[in-house]
Protein backbone atom coordinates (compact mmCIF):
# COMPACT_ATOMS: atom_id res chain seq x y z
CA MET A 1 -36.00 118.03 -274.10
CA ASN A 2 -38.91 120.27 -273.09
CA LYS A 3 -38.63 123.93 -272.20
CA LEU A 4 -38.83 123.43 -268.43
CA GLN A 5 -36.18 120.72 -268.50
CA LYS A 6 -33.85 122.83 -270.66
CA GLU A 7 -34.17 125.84 -268.37
CA ILE A 8 -33.58 123.87 -265.17
CA VAL A 9 -30.69 121.85 -266.63
CA ARG A 10 -29.06 125.00 -268.01
CA THR A 11 -29.43 126.76 -264.65
CA MET A 12 -28.12 123.79 -262.70
CA ILE A 13 -25.13 123.37 -265.03
CA VAL A 14 -24.20 127.05 -264.77
CA LEU A 15 -24.66 127.01 -260.99
CA ALA A 16 -22.74 123.76 -260.55
CA ALA A 17 -19.96 124.94 -262.87
CA LEU A 18 -19.58 128.23 -260.99
CA VAL A 19 -19.58 126.51 -257.60
CA ALA A 20 -17.20 123.78 -258.79
CA LEU A 21 -14.89 126.39 -260.38
CA VAL A 22 -14.72 128.49 -257.22
CA ILE A 23 -14.17 125.43 -255.02
CA ALA A 24 -11.62 124.00 -257.45
CA VAL A 25 -9.61 127.24 -257.68
CA VAL A 26 -9.55 127.70 -253.92
CA SER A 27 -8.85 124.03 -253.25
CA ILE A 28 -6.11 123.81 -255.90
CA GLY A 29 -4.41 126.90 -254.52
CA VAL A 30 -4.59 125.59 -250.96
CA ASN A 31 -3.41 122.11 -251.99
CA ILE A 32 -0.51 123.42 -254.08
CA LYS A 33 0.71 125.52 -251.18
CA SER A 34 0.26 122.60 -248.83
CA GLU A 35 2.05 120.22 -251.24
CA SER A 36 4.88 122.71 -251.71
CA ARG A 37 5.35 123.08 -247.97
CA GLN A 38 5.22 119.30 -247.55
CA LEU A 39 7.77 118.73 -250.31
CA ASP A 40 10.08 121.37 -248.85
CA GLN A 41 9.71 119.80 -245.43
CA ASN A 42 10.52 116.36 -246.87
CA LEU A 43 13.66 117.69 -248.59
CA GLN A 44 14.74 119.43 -245.37
CA ASN A 45 14.12 116.26 -243.36
CA VAL A 46 16.20 114.18 -245.80
CA ALA A 47 19.05 116.69 -245.91
CA GLN A 48 18.99 117.12 -242.12
CA ALA A 49 18.85 113.36 -241.50
CA VAL A 50 21.92 112.78 -243.66
CA ALA A 51 23.77 115.81 -242.28
CA LYS A 52 23.28 114.79 -238.66
CA ASN A 53 24.34 111.22 -239.24
CA GLN A 54 27.59 110.62 -237.36
CA MET A 55 29.03 108.43 -240.11
CA VAL A 56 28.64 111.25 -242.63
CA SER A 57 30.37 113.69 -240.27
CA GLU A 58 33.25 111.26 -239.63
CA CYS A 59 33.55 110.53 -243.34
CA LEU A 60 33.89 114.22 -244.20
CA SER A 61 36.44 114.54 -241.34
CA GLY A 62 38.44 111.61 -242.80
CA GLU A 63 37.73 109.27 -239.89
CA THR A 64 35.43 106.80 -241.69
CA ASP A 65 35.53 105.02 -245.02
CA MET A 66 33.18 106.53 -247.55
CA LYS A 67 31.93 103.12 -248.70
CA VAL A 68 30.07 102.61 -245.43
CA VAL A 69 28.42 106.01 -245.80
CA SER A 70 27.52 105.33 -249.45
CA SER A 71 25.76 102.11 -248.48
CA TYR A 72 23.75 103.96 -245.80
CA ILE A 73 22.69 106.81 -248.11
CA SER A 74 21.86 104.45 -251.01
CA ALA A 75 19.63 102.43 -248.69
CA LEU A 76 17.96 105.67 -247.52
CA GLU A 77 17.32 106.80 -251.10
CA GLU A 78 15.48 103.59 -251.90
CA THR A 79 12.93 104.44 -249.21
CA LEU A 80 12.40 107.97 -250.47
CA GLY A 81 9.91 108.64 -253.27
CA ASN A 82 10.10 112.39 -253.69
CA THR A 83 13.88 112.92 -253.54
CA ASP A 84 15.67 112.69 -256.88
CA VAL A 85 19.28 113.47 -255.87
CA ILE A 86 21.28 113.34 -252.62
CA SER A 87 24.77 114.75 -252.70
CA VAL A 88 27.37 115.01 -249.93
CA VAL A 89 30.08 117.64 -250.51
CA ASP A 90 33.10 118.16 -248.27
CA ARG A 91 34.69 121.42 -247.24
CA LYS A 92 36.95 121.35 -250.36
CA LEU A 93 33.81 121.11 -252.57
CA ILE A 94 34.56 117.49 -253.59
CA ARG A 95 31.47 115.29 -253.99
CA ARG A 96 32.02 112.45 -251.54
CA TYR A 97 28.67 110.96 -252.43
CA HIS A 98 26.16 111.52 -255.28
CA SER A 99 23.08 109.64 -256.46
CA ASN A 100 24.78 109.50 -259.84
CA GLY A 101 27.87 107.41 -259.07
CA LYS A 102 29.81 108.91 -261.97
CA LEU A 103 29.93 112.26 -260.19
CA VAL A 104 31.50 110.89 -256.99
CA GLY A 105 34.94 112.41 -256.49
CA THR A 106 34.26 115.29 -258.89
CA ARG A 107 34.30 118.92 -257.91
CA TYR A 108 30.98 120.56 -257.01
CA ASP A 109 30.47 123.49 -259.38
CA GLY A 110 26.95 124.47 -258.43
CA THR A 111 25.63 127.29 -256.23
CA LEU A 112 27.42 127.41 -252.91
CA PRO A 113 25.24 127.44 -249.81
CA ASN A 114 25.33 130.45 -247.54
CA PHE A 115 24.72 129.24 -244.02
CA ASP A 116 25.89 132.46 -242.40
CA HIS A 117 22.65 134.31 -243.18
CA VAL A 118 20.01 131.55 -243.16
CA GLY A 119 21.24 129.14 -240.54
CA ARG A 120 22.27 125.52 -240.78
CA MET A 121 19.51 124.50 -243.20
CA TYR A 122 17.29 126.10 -245.88
CA VAL A 123 15.40 125.39 -249.13
CA THR A 124 15.75 127.28 -252.40
CA ASN A 125 15.17 127.08 -256.18
CA ASP A 126 18.15 126.52 -258.43
CA GLU A 127 19.32 125.17 -261.76
CA GLY A 128 21.29 121.96 -262.12
CA PRO A 129 22.46 119.48 -264.77
CA SER A 130 18.96 117.95 -264.81
CA GLY A 131 17.11 121.27 -265.13
CA SER A 132 15.13 123.36 -262.65
CA GLN A 133 15.31 122.02 -259.12
CA ARG A 134 14.09 122.52 -255.61
CA ARG A 135 17.08 122.16 -253.28
CA ALA A 136 17.49 121.71 -249.55
CA TYR A 137 20.93 122.52 -248.07
CA ALA A 138 22.06 121.24 -244.66
CA ALA A 139 25.44 121.99 -243.07
CA VAL A 140 27.56 119.13 -241.65
CA TYR A 141 29.64 119.67 -238.50
CA ASP A 142 32.13 117.36 -236.78
CA LYS A 143 31.94 116.40 -233.14
CA ASP A 144 33.87 119.53 -232.23
CA GLY A 145 31.38 121.75 -234.07
CA ARG A 146 33.61 122.59 -237.00
CA TYR A 147 32.05 122.95 -240.45
CA VAL A 148 33.18 120.02 -242.62
CA GLY A 149 30.80 120.17 -245.62
CA PHE A 150 27.14 120.11 -246.59
CA VAL A 151 24.40 117.79 -247.79
CA LEU A 152 22.25 118.62 -250.83
CA ALA A 153 18.77 117.03 -251.28
CA VAL A 154 17.20 117.76 -254.67
CA MET A 155 13.77 117.32 -256.20
CA LEU A 156 13.32 118.12 -259.88
CA LYS A 157 10.75 120.79 -260.76
CA GLN A 158 9.42 118.43 -263.43
CA LYS A 159 8.28 116.04 -260.72
CA ILE A 160 6.80 118.92 -258.72
CA HIS A 161 4.84 120.04 -261.77
CA SER A 162 3.64 116.46 -262.26
CA ILE A 163 2.34 116.35 -258.68
CA ILE A 164 0.59 119.71 -259.12
CA LEU A 165 -0.93 118.53 -262.41
CA ASN A 166 -2.28 115.41 -260.72
CA THR A 167 -3.85 117.60 -258.04
CA VAL A 168 -5.46 119.83 -260.68
CA MET A 169 -6.78 116.83 -262.61
CA ILE A 170 -8.31 115.33 -259.47
CA HIS A 171 -10.15 118.58 -258.79
CA LEU A 172 -11.27 118.95 -262.40
CA CYS A 173 -12.62 115.40 -262.37
CA SER A 174 -14.45 116.23 -259.16
CA ALA A 175 -15.93 119.36 -260.82
CA VAL A 176 -17.09 117.31 -263.81
CA ALA A 177 -18.64 114.78 -261.43
CA VAL A 178 -20.47 117.63 -259.67
CA ILE A 179 -21.82 118.93 -263.01
CA VAL A 180 -22.96 115.44 -264.06
CA LEU A 181 -24.66 114.99 -260.70
CA ALA A 182 -26.31 118.42 -261.14
CA VAL A 183 -27.69 117.36 -264.54
CA LEU A 184 -29.10 114.16 -263.05
CA LEU A 185 -30.66 116.08 -260.17
CA ALA A 186 -32.05 118.65 -262.62
CA ASN A 187 -33.73 115.91 -264.65
CA HIS A 188 -35.18 114.41 -261.48
CA LEU A 189 -36.35 117.85 -260.29
CA THR A 190 -37.91 118.56 -263.70
CA LYS A 191 -39.91 115.34 -263.65
CA SER A 192 -41.05 116.03 -260.10
CA ILE A 193 -42.16 119.59 -260.94
CA LYS A 194 -43.96 118.56 -264.14
CA ARG A 195 -45.71 115.79 -262.25
CA LYS A 196 -46.95 118.34 -259.73
CA LEU A 197 -47.93 120.70 -262.59
CA LYS A 198 -49.97 117.89 -264.22
CA GLY A 199 -47.56 117.69 -267.17
CA TYR A 200 -47.86 121.38 -268.14
CA GLU A 201 -45.00 123.78 -268.74
CA PRO A 202 -44.78 126.56 -266.08
CA ASP A 203 -45.72 129.34 -268.53
CA THR A 204 -48.69 127.32 -269.80
CA PHE A 205 -49.70 126.47 -266.24
CA SER A 206 -49.32 130.14 -265.25
CA ALA A 207 -51.48 131.26 -268.18
CA MET A 208 -54.12 128.66 -267.30
CA PHE A 209 -54.04 129.74 -263.65
CA SER A 210 -54.45 133.38 -264.65
CA VAL A 211 -57.41 132.59 -266.90
CA ARG A 212 -59.06 130.39 -264.29
CA ASP A 213 -58.41 132.98 -261.59
CA ASN A 214 -60.09 135.66 -263.73
CA ILE A 215 -63.03 133.33 -264.35
CA LEU A 216 -63.39 132.52 -260.65
CA GLU A 217 -63.18 136.19 -259.68
CA SER A 218 -65.84 137.15 -262.24
CA LEU A 219 -68.40 134.61 -260.99
CA GLU A 220 -71.44 135.80 -259.07
CA GLU A 221 -71.26 132.62 -256.98
CA GLY A 222 -68.80 132.48 -254.11
CA ILE A 223 -66.05 129.85 -254.41
CA VAL A 224 -64.17 128.59 -251.33
CA ALA A 225 -61.43 125.93 -251.47
CA LEU A 226 -60.54 123.93 -248.33
CA ASP A 227 -57.43 121.83 -247.64
CA PRO A 228 -57.54 118.26 -246.16
CA ASN A 229 -57.64 119.80 -242.67
CA GLY A 230 -60.64 121.97 -243.48
CA GLU A 231 -58.60 125.19 -243.53
CA MET A 232 -59.45 127.81 -246.18
CA LEU A 233 -56.99 127.87 -249.08
CA TYR A 234 -58.78 130.25 -251.44
CA ARG A 235 -61.93 132.32 -251.75
CA ASN A 236 -62.96 134.48 -254.66
CA GLU A 237 -64.24 138.05 -254.48
CA ALA A 238 -67.90 136.99 -254.37
CA ALA A 239 -67.23 134.69 -251.39
CA ALA A 240 -65.32 137.46 -249.61
CA ARG A 241 -68.25 139.80 -250.16
CA MET A 242 -70.79 137.31 -248.81
CA LEU A 243 -68.77 136.15 -245.81
CA ALA A 244 -66.94 139.40 -245.02
CA GLU A 245 -64.80 138.49 -241.98
CA GLU A 246 -67.12 135.68 -240.86
CA THR A 247 -65.11 132.83 -242.42
CA ASP A 248 -65.94 130.61 -239.45
CA VAL A 249 -69.49 130.27 -240.82
CA ILE A 250 -68.09 127.66 -243.25
CA ARG A 251 -67.47 125.38 -240.25
CA LYS A 252 -71.24 125.03 -239.86
CA LEU A 253 -71.20 122.85 -242.96
CA PRO A 254 -70.56 119.06 -242.62
CA VAL A 255 -66.99 119.51 -243.91
CA SER A 256 -65.58 116.56 -241.94
CA LYS A 257 -68.00 114.13 -243.63
CA THR A 258 -66.96 115.42 -247.03
CA LEU A 259 -63.23 115.24 -246.26
CA THR A 260 -63.49 111.82 -244.60
CA HIS A 261 -66.08 110.00 -246.72
CA GLY A 262 -66.29 112.14 -249.86
CA LYS A 263 -69.98 112.94 -249.35
CA ARG A 264 -71.69 115.75 -251.29
CA PHE A 265 -74.16 118.22 -249.79
CA PHE A 266 -76.39 120.59 -251.74
CA ASN A 267 -78.46 123.66 -250.83
CA GLU A 268 -77.25 123.83 -247.24
CA THR A 269 -78.48 127.04 -245.57
CA LEU A 270 -76.00 129.31 -243.78
CA THR A 271 -76.82 132.54 -241.93
CA THR A 272 -74.11 135.05 -241.07
CA ARG A 273 -74.16 137.34 -238.06
CA ARG A 274 -75.18 140.11 -240.46
CA GLN A 275 -78.30 138.02 -241.21
CA VAL A 276 -77.15 137.28 -244.76
CA GLU A 277 -78.72 134.00 -245.89
CA ILE A 278 -76.50 131.85 -248.08
CA LEU A 279 -77.17 128.64 -250.00
CA ALA A 280 -74.09 126.40 -250.02
CA ASP A 281 -73.06 123.32 -252.02
CA LEU A 282 -70.23 121.22 -250.54
CA MET A 283 -68.28 118.81 -252.75
CA PRO A 284 -65.06 116.79 -252.31
CA VAL A 285 -61.96 117.38 -254.43
CA MET A 286 -60.58 114.00 -255.53
CA GLU A 287 -57.10 113.05 -256.72
CA GLN A 288 -56.41 109.41 -257.62
CA GLU A 289 -59.58 108.35 -255.78
CA LYS A 290 -58.40 110.12 -252.63
CA VAL A 291 -60.05 113.17 -251.04
CA VAL A 292 -57.47 115.98 -251.03
CA GLY A 293 -59.76 118.86 -250.14
CA ALA A 294 -63.24 120.30 -250.54
CA LEU A 295 -64.98 122.94 -252.66
CA VAL A 296 -67.79 125.15 -251.36
CA ILE A 297 -70.07 127.03 -253.77
CA LEU A 298 -71.98 129.91 -252.16
CA ARG A 299 -75.04 131.72 -253.47
CA ASP A 300 -76.63 134.75 -251.85
CA ARG A 301 -80.13 133.52 -251.12
CA THR A 302 -81.55 137.04 -251.13
CA GLU A 303 -80.03 137.90 -254.50
CA TYR A 304 -80.89 134.46 -255.84
CA THR A 305 -84.53 134.85 -254.85
CA LYS A 306 -84.62 138.40 -256.23
CA LEU A 307 -83.17 137.23 -259.55
CA MET A 308 -85.68 134.42 -259.84
CA GLU A 309 -88.50 136.82 -259.09
CA ASP A 310 -87.20 139.23 -261.73
CA LEU A 311 -87.08 136.45 -264.31
CA THR A 312 -90.48 134.93 -263.55
CA GLY A 313 -92.46 138.08 -262.73
CA VAL A 314 -93.48 136.74 -259.32
CA ARG A 315 -92.13 139.86 -257.65
CA TYR A 316 -94.62 142.05 -259.49
CA LEU A 317 -97.54 139.85 -258.54
CA VAL A 318 -96.42 139.84 -254.88
CA ASP A 319 -95.91 143.62 -254.89
CA SER A 320 -99.30 144.10 -256.48
CA MET A 321 -101.06 141.94 -253.89
CA ARG A 322 -99.20 143.72 -251.07
CA ALA A 323 -100.17 147.14 -252.44
CA ASN A 324 -103.79 146.03 -252.91
CA ASN A 325 -103.90 144.78 -249.32
CA HIS A 326 -102.36 148.05 -248.07
CA ASP A 327 -104.87 150.13 -250.00
CA PHE A 328 -107.72 147.96 -248.70
CA MET A 329 -106.54 148.48 -245.11
CA ASN A 330 -106.42 152.25 -245.64
CA LYS A 331 -110.01 152.25 -246.87
CA LEU A 332 -111.09 150.14 -243.88
CA HIS A 333 -109.50 152.70 -241.56
CA VAL A 334 -111.47 155.51 -243.27
CA ILE A 335 -114.70 153.56 -242.90
CA LEU A 336 -113.94 152.75 -239.24
CA GLY A 337 -113.21 156.42 -238.52
CA LEU A 338 -116.48 157.57 -240.10
CA ILE A 339 -118.45 155.01 -238.10
CA GLN A 340 -116.75 155.97 -234.83
CA MET A 341 -117.58 159.61 -235.59
CA GLY A 342 -121.22 158.65 -236.00
CA GLN A 343 -121.24 159.62 -239.67
CA THR A 344 -122.84 156.39 -240.88
CA GLU A 345 -124.37 157.94 -243.98
CA GLN A 346 -120.99 159.25 -245.14
CA ALA A 347 -119.46 155.83 -244.40
CA SER A 348 -122.17 154.16 -246.46
CA GLU A 349 -121.65 156.58 -249.35
CA TYR A 350 -117.88 156.05 -249.16
CA ILE A 351 -118.30 152.28 -249.29
CA THR A 352 -120.70 152.56 -252.20
CA THR A 353 -118.35 154.89 -254.09
CA ILE A 354 -115.15 152.85 -253.67
CA THR A 355 -117.02 149.61 -254.28
CA SER A 356 -118.47 151.00 -257.48
CA ILE A 357 -115.07 152.27 -258.67
CA GLN A 358 -113.26 149.06 -257.82
CA GLN A 359 -116.03 146.87 -259.21
CA THR A 360 -116.06 148.89 -262.40
CA LEU A 361 -112.28 148.69 -262.80
CA ILE A 362 -112.05 145.03 -261.79
CA HIS A 363 -114.96 144.17 -264.07
CA GLN A 364 -113.35 146.13 -266.89
CA ILE A 365 -109.98 144.39 -266.41
CA MET A 366 -111.45 140.90 -265.97
CA LYS A 367 -113.64 141.35 -269.01
CA ARG A 368 -110.93 142.65 -271.33
CA ILE A 369 -107.84 140.80 -270.03
CA GLU A 370 -108.28 137.04 -270.33
CA ASP A 371 -104.90 136.09 -268.82
CA PRO A 372 -105.47 135.77 -265.02
CA SER A 373 -101.84 136.60 -264.14
CA VAL A 374 -101.88 139.80 -266.20
CA ALA A 375 -105.30 140.76 -264.81
CA ALA A 376 -104.11 140.25 -261.22
CA LEU A 377 -101.04 142.33 -262.01
CA LEU A 378 -103.09 145.24 -263.37
CA ILE A 379 -105.45 145.19 -260.38
CA GLY A 380 -102.53 145.21 -257.98
CA LYS A 381 -100.80 148.01 -259.86
CA TYR A 382 -104.03 150.03 -259.73
CA ALA A 383 -104.02 149.66 -255.93
CA ARG A 384 -100.35 150.62 -255.83
CA ALA A 385 -101.04 153.72 -257.96
CA ALA A 386 -103.94 154.73 -255.70
CA GLU A 387 -101.65 154.42 -252.67
CA LEU A 388 -99.15 156.77 -254.37
CA ASP A 389 -101.93 159.24 -255.38
CA ILE A 390 -101.47 158.39 -259.05
CA ARG A 391 -104.43 158.20 -261.43
CA PHE A 392 -104.36 154.78 -263.10
CA SER A 393 -106.51 154.01 -266.16
CA LEU A 394 -106.85 151.29 -268.76
CA GLU A 395 -106.81 152.70 -272.26
CA ALA A 396 -110.08 152.51 -274.12
CA GLY A 397 -110.26 149.56 -276.47
CA SER A 398 -107.70 147.55 -274.53
CA GLY A 399 -108.11 143.80 -274.67
CA LEU A 400 -105.97 140.66 -274.40
CA ALA A 401 -107.33 137.47 -275.93
CA ARG A 402 -105.30 134.50 -274.73
CA GLN A 403 -105.65 132.62 -278.01
CA ASP A 404 -104.09 135.57 -279.87
CA VAL A 405 -100.76 135.42 -278.05
CA ALA A 406 -98.47 132.43 -277.58
CA LEU A 407 -96.25 134.12 -274.94
CA PRO A 408 -96.07 132.39 -271.53
CA SER A 409 -97.90 134.18 -268.70
CA ALA A 410 -94.61 134.64 -266.82
CA ASP A 411 -93.10 136.54 -269.75
CA LEU A 412 -96.20 138.71 -270.11
CA VAL A 413 -96.11 139.56 -266.39
CA THR A 414 -92.39 140.40 -266.58
CA LEU A 415 -92.91 142.59 -269.64
CA ILE A 416 -96.00 144.53 -268.50
CA GLY A 417 -94.98 144.63 -264.83
CA ASN A 418 -91.60 146.21 -265.59
CA LEU A 419 -93.18 148.82 -267.86
CA ILE A 420 -95.77 149.86 -265.25
CA GLU A 421 -93.26 149.78 -262.37
CA ASN A 422 -90.86 152.09 -264.23
CA SER A 423 -93.71 154.55 -264.86
CA LEU A 424 -94.81 154.41 -261.20
CA ASP A 425 -91.24 155.22 -260.12
CA ALA A 426 -91.08 158.16 -262.53
CA LEU A 427 -94.45 159.50 -261.35
CA ASN A 428 -93.60 159.01 -257.67
CA ALA A 429 -90.43 161.06 -258.19
CA LYS A 430 -92.59 163.95 -259.45
CA GLU A 431 -93.89 166.31 -256.77
CA GLU A 432 -96.60 168.25 -258.57
CA GLN A 433 -99.79 167.04 -260.27
CA PRO A 434 -100.94 165.79 -262.69
CA LYS A 435 -99.73 162.23 -262.02
CA GLU A 436 -101.42 160.05 -264.57
CA LEU A 437 -100.63 156.54 -265.84
CA THR A 438 -102.40 154.98 -268.81
CA VAL A 439 -101.89 151.35 -269.82
CA GLY A 440 -102.97 149.98 -273.15
CA ILE A 441 -102.89 146.27 -274.06
CA PHE A 442 -104.09 145.24 -277.52
CA SER A 443 -103.99 141.87 -279.20
CA LYS A 444 -105.05 140.24 -282.40
CA PRO A 445 -103.99 136.92 -283.87
CA GLN A 446 -100.17 136.66 -283.71
CA VAL A 447 -99.80 140.31 -282.63
CA LEU A 448 -99.44 141.93 -279.17
CA ILE A 449 -99.11 145.67 -278.53
CA VAL A 450 -98.40 147.08 -275.08
CA ARG A 451 -98.32 150.85 -274.53
CA VAL A 452 -97.66 152.69 -271.25
CA ASP A 453 -97.96 156.49 -271.04
CA ASP A 454 -97.11 158.53 -267.96
CA THR A 455 -96.78 162.20 -267.01
CA GLY A 456 -93.65 161.56 -264.96
CA ILE A 457 -90.26 163.29 -264.89
CA GLY A 458 -89.21 161.97 -268.29
CA ILE A 459 -85.84 160.73 -269.55
CA SER A 460 -83.01 162.90 -270.91
CA LYS A 461 -81.60 162.29 -274.40
CA GLU A 462 -78.24 161.27 -272.94
CA ASN A 463 -79.86 158.60 -270.75
CA LEU A 464 -82.09 157.36 -273.57
CA GLU A 465 -79.00 156.01 -275.35
CA HIS A 466 -78.10 153.79 -272.37
CA ILE A 467 -81.49 153.12 -270.76
CA THR A 468 -81.68 149.50 -271.98
CA GLU A 469 -78.15 148.58 -270.86
CA LYS A 470 -77.79 146.11 -268.01
CA GLY A 471 -77.15 147.85 -264.69
CA PHE A 472 -77.80 151.37 -266.02
CA SER A 473 -80.32 153.36 -264.03
CA THR A 474 -81.13 156.93 -263.07
CA LYS A 475 -82.66 155.68 -259.80
CA GLY A 476 -79.54 154.50 -257.95
CA GLU A 477 -77.14 151.60 -257.72
CA ASN A 478 -78.31 148.09 -258.67
CA ARG A 479 -81.67 149.39 -259.96
CA GLY A 480 -81.07 149.12 -263.70
CA THR A 481 -82.90 145.86 -264.50
CA GLY A 482 -86.40 146.91 -265.65
CA LEU A 483 -85.84 148.23 -269.18
CA TYR A 484 -82.93 145.80 -269.63
CA LEU A 485 -85.31 142.86 -269.04
CA ILE A 486 -87.85 144.47 -271.33
CA SER A 487 -85.29 144.92 -274.13
CA GLU A 488 -84.11 141.32 -273.68
CA MET A 489 -87.71 140.14 -273.95
CA VAL A 490 -88.17 142.18 -277.12
CA LYS A 491 -85.02 140.62 -278.58
CA LYS A 492 -86.17 137.16 -277.52
CA TYR A 493 -89.42 137.51 -279.47
CA SER A 494 -87.93 139.64 -282.28
CA GLY A 495 -90.27 142.54 -281.53
CA THR A 496 -89.99 146.32 -281.60
CA LEU A 497 -89.48 148.77 -278.74
CA GLU A 498 -90.22 152.47 -279.12
CA ILE A 499 -89.47 155.01 -276.38
CA ASP A 500 -90.57 158.65 -276.62
CA SER A 501 -89.75 160.87 -273.67
CA GLU A 502 -89.37 164.52 -272.77
CA VAL A 503 -87.89 165.76 -269.52
CA GLY A 504 -90.61 167.23 -267.26
CA GLU A 505 -93.45 166.10 -269.56
CA GLY A 506 -93.47 162.30 -269.36
CA THR A 507 -92.65 159.11 -271.22
CA SER A 508 -94.45 156.90 -273.72
CA ILE A 509 -93.24 153.33 -274.34
CA MET A 510 -94.74 150.99 -276.93
CA ILE A 511 -93.87 147.36 -277.57
CA MET A 512 -95.05 145.26 -280.49
CA LEU A 513 -94.54 141.50 -280.60
CA THR A 514 -95.54 139.36 -283.57
CA GLU A 515 -95.32 135.65 -284.46
CA GLU A 516 -93.44 136.63 -287.62
CA ARG A 517 -89.71 136.42 -286.88
CA LYS A 518 -87.71 139.49 -287.84
CA GLU A 519 -84.76 141.50 -286.61
CA PRO A 520 -85.56 143.21 -283.28
CA CYS A 521 -86.00 146.97 -283.57
CA MET A 522 -85.62 149.68 -280.95
CA LYS A 523 -86.46 153.34 -281.49
CA PHE A 524 -85.82 156.27 -279.15
């Protein structure tokens, strides 16, 4: 017997036993009282019937032969089941009739009835030749109303006890039947519960539910469970955060098709009233080849896109192109203003100067950096730095030969882009000059070195210990991804990461990646 079955059976037995015991005690008490009253009433009826019989009265008055009366009473006794003795005693205390024929004509030596205080009839307990008895006395009067004797109807206590015992046994058997029925019901209930719990014990099922609930609540994806009517049964914390109070947005999905035909839908686009874009997958929940509900998986499209950009480095290329375009527009506005002011020579000199600077830098980058993605990134970051009034320079001797490094372009962009972006943030947070950013990229066969030096606000010693942890940032909530991604990249390629920083002076970060696999190293 399994644990669930034992617990339910034990509980049902205790409950059934308590209920049966209470009912049995109450019922036995009520029945015994009722039986006692009924037996007393029967004895009274017998005694009264005999006492009021005219033949008995005439017999005790000496007007009728006793044999006729004896025949009548004997016939009456044969019809009675609960009366053991009937005795007729005259005024002189001589037994004129007795169920035991040997006592007829003998003197009555038992307890004398007292009709003066209790009336013409009453019932009492007494002792007789046969043991304890329940007796009913009834006075006999002649036609003139004179007392001529009494009638005694007796039932032995032994028979009364037998009747009570039968009543108790009936109730005990009923209680046992109730307990047996409770055990059968408990077994049936146990099987039903275990079937609904997929055969697991409640504690095991509870533990599994707790673990699964913790897993669901820790997911970044939103999980929504729907019942067969399309009503929401459950949503995890991520789903609550995405949907807020706009749960009706789920109804925009083809839920009815999934619940009716079991169809699956992927990458459905939902837009909340707060303009949050969500990608949703809708799948049926099956049980014995029957659709019993639906499961919706939600992904924040904005966060999803941002994460993909962080992982692939696309964000840095896009930001670089946007900054380059912005800087270009600013320069066009300067040129337009000079022309409108009639200062054409100054406009020409300005164009020549910026063209020379940009051509020199672009030529320098394109010549030294063979990877197009990295080159585009550096050009864009230069434009971004110029927009922020930061002096950007490529360290002398820098060069990246594509055949030297086996890293994918996406990883290179992620690595270098995060380093430069962190330095730009640190420099932008600084109010006074100088604001200088120097990037060095050096490669030789199977070796890549990237060094970024800035004159920004620097990093405190306390923050240096946590700077590569996921989510940690000194720039605000949800900003701590840059150095974490860098450290993960260093670990991925078993490289080394060195960070040297002083508050108010700036930060220098150097990364070395080699083809030779070794334990990743980080120095602060």
